[in-house]
């Protein structure tokens, strides 16, 4: 669905640090398509778009010595 893909890409571009829930809300406002965070996560991965990392996870690229 090109309309949903465009809305997702636009939402990520407008606010790259938005949470999955915020992205779901923005896409729902733009397209009237409801989704949940797990679906949004899968779509971001499919579209090869970045998504906000949880603060509870360690930063990538860091090694413990």
C-alpha atoms as a PDB file:
ATOM      1  CA  UNK A   1       0.000   0.000   0.000  1.00  0.00           C
ATOM      2  CA  UNK A   2       1.890   3.017  -1.297  1.00  0.00           C
ATOM      3  CA  UNK A   3      -0.131   5.536   0.742  1.00  0.00           C
ATOM      4  CA  UNK A   4       0.764   3.871   4.059  1.00  0.00           C
ATOM      5  CA  UNK A   5       4.425   3.538   3.054  1.00  0.00           C
ATOM      6  CA  UNK A   6       4.573   7.214   2.139  1.00  0.00           C
ATOM      7  CA  UNK A   7       2.941   8.181   5.439  1.00  0.00           C
ATOM      8  CA  UNK A   8       5.421   6.062   7.406  1.00  0.00           C
ATOM      9  CA  UNK A   9       8.394   7.510   5.546  1.00  0.00           C
ATOM     10  CA  UNK A  10       7.093  11.058   6.041  1.00  0.00           C
ATOM     11  CA  UNK A  11       6.481  10.476   9.763  1.00  0.00           C
ATOM     12  CA  UNK A  12      10.005   9.111  10.299  1.00  0.00           C
ATOM     13  CA  UNK A  13      11.506  11.964   8.301  1.00  0.00           C
ATOM     14  CA  UNK A  14       9.540  14.580  10.270  1.00  0.00           C
ATOM     15  CA  UNK A  15      10.453  13.150  13.669  1.00  0.00           C
ATOM     16  CA  UNK A  16      13.191  10.477  13.524  1.00  0.00           C
ATOM     17  CA  UNK A  17      13.206   9.955  17.296  1.00  0.00           C
ATOM     18  CA  UNK A  18       9.462   9.255  17.584  1.00  0.00           C
ATOM     19  CA  UNK A  19       8.412   6.134  19.463  1.00  0.00           C
ATOM     20  CA  UNK A  20       6.603   3.318  17.695  1.00  0.00           C
ATOM     21  CA  UNK A  21       3.345   4.363  19.349  1.00  0.00           C
ATOM     22  CA  UNK A  22       3.798   7.952  18.136  1.00  0.00           C
ATOM     23  CA  UNK A  23       4.469   6.703  14.607  1.00  0.00           C
ATOM     24  CA  UNK A  24       1.295   4.588  14.749  1.00  0.00           C
ATOM     25  CA  UNK A  25      -0.709   7.644  15.766  1.00  0.00           C
ATOM     26  CA  UNK A  26       0.785   9.849  13.048  1.00  0.00           C
ATOM     27  CA  UNK A  27       0.145   7.261  10.329  1.00  0.00           C
ATOM     28  CA  UNK A  28      -3.421   6.727  11.582  1.00  0.00           C
ATOM     29  CA  UNK A  29      -4.077  10.474  11.355  1.00  0.00           C
ATOM     30  CA  UNK A  30      -2.658  10.646   7.836  1.00  0.00           C
ATOM     31  CA  UNK A  31      -4.193   7.485   6.376  1.00  0.00           C
ATOM     32  CA  UNK A  32      -7.013   6.376   8.727  1.00  0.00           C
ATOM     33  CA  UNK A  33      -5.186   3.018   8.966  1.00  0.00           C
ATOM     34  CA  UNK A  34      -4.843   1.802  12.549  1.00  0.00           C
ATOM     35  CA  UNK A  35      -1.785  -0.195  13.578  1.00  0.00           C
ATOM     36  CA  UNK A  36      -0.014  -1.302  16.705  1.00  0.00           C
ATOM     37  CA  UNK A  37       3.660  -0.866  17.673  1.00  0.00           C
ATOM     38  CA  UNK A  38       4.629  -4.431  16.727  1.00  0.00           C
ATOM     39  CA  UNK A  39       3.215  -3.949  13.232  1.00  0.00           C
ATOM     40  CA  UNK A  40       4.983  -0.597  12.919  1.00  0.00           C
ATOM     41  CA  UNK A  41       8.275  -2.211  13.970  1.00  0.00           C
ATOM     42  CA  UNK A  42       7.906  -4.843  11.235  1.00  0.00           C
ATOM     43  CA  UNK A  43       7.062  -2.177   8.646  1.00  0.00           C
ATOM     44  CA  UNK A  44      10.074  -0.052   9.615  1.00  0.00           C
ATOM     45  CA  UNK A  45      12.305  -3.111   9.231  1.00  0.00           C
ATOM     46  CA  UNK A  46      10.705  -3.983   5.872  1.00  0.00           C
ATOM     47  CA  UNK A  47      11.199  -0.432   4.623  1.00  0.00           C
ATOM     48  CA  UNK A  48      14.756  -0.403   6.027  1.00  0.00           C
ATOM     49  CA  UNK A  49      13.985   2.675   8.144  1.00  0.00           C
ATOM     50  CA  UNK A  50      15.533   3.350  11.555  1.00  0.00           C
ATOM     51  CA  UNK A  51      13.461   3.222  14.703  1.00  0.00           C
ATOM     52  CA  UNK A  52      14.028   4.614  18.170  1.00  0.00           C
ATOM     53  CA  UNK A  53      16.029   2.336  20.415  1.00  0.00           C
ATOM     54  CA  UNK A  54      14.971   1.598  23.934  1.00  0.00           C
ATOM     55  CA  UNK A  55      17.023   3.405  26.543  1.00  0.00           C
ATOM     56  CA  UNK A  56      17.241   0.183  28.512  1.00  0.00           C
ATOM     57  CA  UNK A  57      19.358  -1.417  25.797  1.00  0.00           C
ATOM     58  CA  UNK A  58      23.108  -0.836  25.598  1.00  0.00           C
ATOM     59  CA  UNK A  59      24.398   1.447  22.882  1.00  0.00           C
ATOM     60  CA  UNK A  60      25.450  -0.371  19.738  1.00  0.00           C
ATOM     61  CA  UNK A  61      29.132  -0.608  18.950  1.00  0.00           C
ATOM     62  CA  UNK A  62      30.299  -0.551  22.538  1.00  0.00           C
ATOM     63  CA  UNK A  63      32.403  -3.343  23.915  1.00  0.00           C
ATOM     64  CA  UNK A  64      32.925  -4.353  27.483  1.00  0.00           C
ATOM     65  CA  UNK A  65      36.520  -4.711  28.498  1.00  0.00           C
END
